């Protein structure tokens, strides 16, 4: 699983960065969970990321997001996900 995972929102864009720990990794998947209400969540996988960073411009004001990263090897085997980072963009 990736390590040294960090995330922030800068100018209405989520910026995620991490480090690779396994030389067998060929890509990453970002698991994005949007909190649509207090109890409802919507999760999508963003696949085939080849860098150790990701920028998400598809965010809405006053909405909470959870991001997790998994490594994927050449056989499509996924690592365990990183601990989720919770971010929210608050309109001012």
C-alpha atoms as a PDB file:
ATOM      1  CA  UNK A   1       0.000   0.000   0.000  1.00  0.00           C
ATOM      2  CA  UNK A   2       1.231   3.554  -0.639  1.00  0.00           C
ATOM      3  CA  UNK A   3       2.762   5.486   2.279  1.00  0.00           C
ATOM      4  CA  UNK A   4       3.315   9.122   3.291  1.00  0.00           C
ATOM      5  CA  UNK A   5      -0.121   9.898   1.928  1.00  0.00           C
ATOM      6  CA  UNK A   6      -1.286  13.502   2.197  1.00  0.00           C
ATOM      7  CA  UNK A   7      -4.011  15.652   0.731  1.00  0.00           C
ATOM      8  CA  UNK A   8      -5.172  19.255   0.670  1.00  0.00           C
ATOM      9  CA  UNK A   9      -7.548  21.568  -1.160  1.00  0.00           C
ATOM     10  CA  UNK A  10      -5.903  24.432  -2.997  1.00  0.00           C
ATOM     11  CA  UNK A  11      -7.863  26.842  -5.232  1.00  0.00           C
ATOM     12  CA  UNK A  12     -10.913  24.543  -5.458  1.00  0.00           C
ATOM     13  CA  UNK A  13      -8.757  21.533  -6.422  1.00  0.00           C
ATOM     14  CA  UNK A  14      -7.965  18.480  -4.289  1.00  0.00           C
ATOM     15  CA  UNK A  15      -4.263  17.612  -4.447  1.00  0.00           C
ATOM     16  CA  UNK A  16      -3.174  14.164  -3.274  1.00  0.00           C
ATOM     17  CA  UNK A  17       0.397  12.854  -3.019  1.00  0.00           C
ATOM     18  CA  UNK A  18       1.888   9.564  -1.831  1.00  0.00           C
ATOM     19  CA  UNK A  19       4.990   7.372  -2.071  1.00  0.00           C
ATOM     20  CA  UNK A  20       5.242   3.940  -3.609  1.00  0.00           C
ATOM     21  CA  UNK A  21       6.528   1.070  -1.440  1.00  0.00           C
ATOM     22  CA  UNK A  22       6.362  -1.808  -3.923  1.00  0.00           C
ATOM     23  CA  UNK A  23       8.353  -2.034  -7.181  1.00  0.00           C
ATOM     24  CA  UNK A  24       5.644  -4.330  -8.631  1.00  0.00           C
ATOM     25  CA  UNK A  25       3.147  -1.438  -8.701  1.00  0.00           C
ATOM     26  CA  UNK A  26       2.123  -0.409 -12.215  1.00  0.00           C
ATOM     27  CA  UNK A  27      -0.758   1.952 -11.381  1.00  0.00           C
ATOM     28  CA  UNK A  28      -2.935   3.325  -8.608  1.00  0.00           C
ATOM     29  CA  UNK A  29      -6.640   3.644  -7.951  1.00  0.00           C
ATOM     30  CA  UNK A  30      -8.082   6.601  -6.049  1.00  0.00           C
ATOM     31  CA  UNK A  31     -11.224   5.688  -4.142  1.00  0.00           C
ATOM     32  CA  UNK A  32     -13.321   8.850  -3.810  1.00  0.00           C
ATOM     33  CA  UNK A  33     -16.272   8.861  -1.443  1.00  0.00           C
ATOM     34  CA  UNK A  34     -18.637  11.827  -1.512  1.00  0.00           C
ATOM     35  CA  UNK A  35     -20.758  12.483   1.549  1.00  0.00           C
ATOM     36  CA  UNK A  36     -24.111  13.328  -0.023  1.00  0.00           C
ATOM     37  CA  UNK A  37     -25.884  13.581   3.351  1.00  0.00           C
ATOM     38  CA  UNK A  38     -25.309  12.618   6.988  1.00  0.00           C
ATOM     39  CA  UNK A  39     -25.959   8.956   6.202  1.00  0.00           C
ATOM     40  CA  UNK A  40     -25.632   8.655   2.423  1.00  0.00           C
ATOM     41  CA  UNK A  41     -22.311   8.255   0.624  1.00  0.00           C
ATOM     42  CA  UNK A  42     -21.409   7.718  -3.008  1.00  0.00           C
ATOM     43  CA  UNK A  43     -18.122   5.971  -3.890  1.00  0.00           C
ATOM     44  CA  UNK A  44     -16.301   5.865  -7.213  1.00  0.00           C
ATOM     45  CA  UNK A  45     -12.970   4.360  -8.263  1.00  0.00           C
ATOM     46  CA  UNK A  46     -10.657   6.470 -10.405  1.00  0.00           C
ATOM     47  CA  UNK A  47      -8.393   3.923 -12.103  1.00  0.00           C
ATOM     48  CA  UNK A  48      -5.142   3.776 -14.076  1.00  0.00           C
ATOM     49  CA  UNK A  49      -3.271   6.572 -12.333  1.00  0.00           C
ATOM     50  CA  UNK A  50       0.428   6.162 -13.154  1.00  0.00           C
ATOM     51  CA  UNK A  51       1.898   9.009 -11.092  1.00  0.00           C
ATOM     52  CA  UNK A  52       2.227   9.251  -7.301  1.00  0.00           C
ATOM     53  CA  UNK A  53      -0.051  12.278  -7.259  1.00  0.00           C
ATOM     54  CA  UNK A  54      -3.598  13.108  -8.282  1.00  0.00           C
ATOM     55  CA  UNK A  55      -5.614  16.305  -8.783  1.00  0.00           C
ATOM     56  CA  UNK A  56      -9.406  16.255  -8.474  1.00  0.00           C
ATOM     57  CA  UNK A  57     -11.202  19.264  -9.944  1.00  0.00           C
ATOM     58  CA  UNK A  58     -14.650  17.649  -9.621  1.00  0.00           C
ATOM     59  CA  UNK A  59     -15.502  18.947  -6.148  1.00  0.00           C
ATOM     60  CA  UNK A  60     -18.447  20.969  -4.886  1.00  0.00           C
ATOM     61  CA  UNK A  61     -18.618  23.602  -2.151  1.00  0.00           C
ATOM     62  CA  UNK A  62     -19.785  22.596   1.321  1.00  0.00           C
ATOM     63  CA  UNK A  63     -19.380  18.881   0.561  1.00  0.00           C
ATOM     64  CA  UNK A  64     -17.218  16.341   2.391  1.00  0.00           C
ATOM     65  CA  UNK A  65     -14.965  13.889   0.574  1.00  0.00           C
ATOM     66  CA  UNK A  66     -12.948  10.862   1.639  1.00  0.00           C
ATOM     67  CA  UNK A  67      -9.960   9.746  -0.436  1.00  0.00           C
ATOM     68  CA  UNK A  68      -8.094   6.432  -0.277  1.00  0.00           C
ATOM     69  CA  UNK A  69      -5.312   5.104  -2.531  1.00  0.00           C
ATOM     70  CA  UNK A  70      -4.591   1.501  -3.549  1.00  0.00           C
ATOM     71  CA  UNK A  71      -1.632   0.164  -5.520  1.00  0.00           C
ATOM     72  CA  UNK A  72      -2.298  -2.162  -8.455  1.00  0.00           C
ATOM     73  CA  UNK A  73       0.269  -4.640  -9.821  1.00  0.00           C
ATOM     74  CA  UNK A  74       0.624  -5.999 -13.380  1.00  0.00           C
ATOM     75  CA  UNK A  75      -1.841  -8.818 -12.595  1.00  0.00           C
ATOM     76  CA  UNK A  76      -4.520  -6.374 -11.422  1.00  0.00           C
ATOM     77  CA  UNK A  77      -4.046  -7.332  -7.766  1.00  0.00           C
ATOM     78  CA  UNK A  78      -4.893  -4.423  -5.485  1.00  0.00           C
ATOM     79  CA  UNK A  79      -3.197  -3.560  -2.205  1.00  0.00           C
ATOM     80  CA  UNK A  80      -5.070  -2.682   0.932  1.00  0.00           C
ATOM     81  CA  UNK A  81      -6.263   0.949   0.826  1.00  0.00           C
ATOM     82  CA  UNK A  82      -4.513   3.733   2.665  1.00  0.00           C
ATOM     83  CA  UNK A  83      -6.254   5.275   5.626  1.00  0.00           C
ATOM     84  CA  UNK A  84      -8.898   7.675   4.314  1.00  0.00           C
ATOM     85  CA  UNK A  85      -8.162  11.394   4.231  1.00  0.00           C
ATOM     86  CA  UNK A  86     -11.224  13.549   4.780  1.00  0.00           C
ATOM     87  CA  UNK A  87     -11.337  16.877   2.956  1.00  0.00           C
ATOM     88  CA  UNK A  88     -14.052  19.452   2.355  1.00  0.00           C
ATOM     89  CA  UNK A  89     -14.221  22.576   0.268  1.00  0.00           C
ATOM     90  CA  UNK A  90     -16.154  25.292   2.034  1.00  0.00           C
ATOM     91  CA  UNK A  91     -17.530  28.175   0.004  1.00  0.00           C
ATOM     92  CA  UNK A  92     -16.790  31.605   1.411  1.00  0.00           C
END
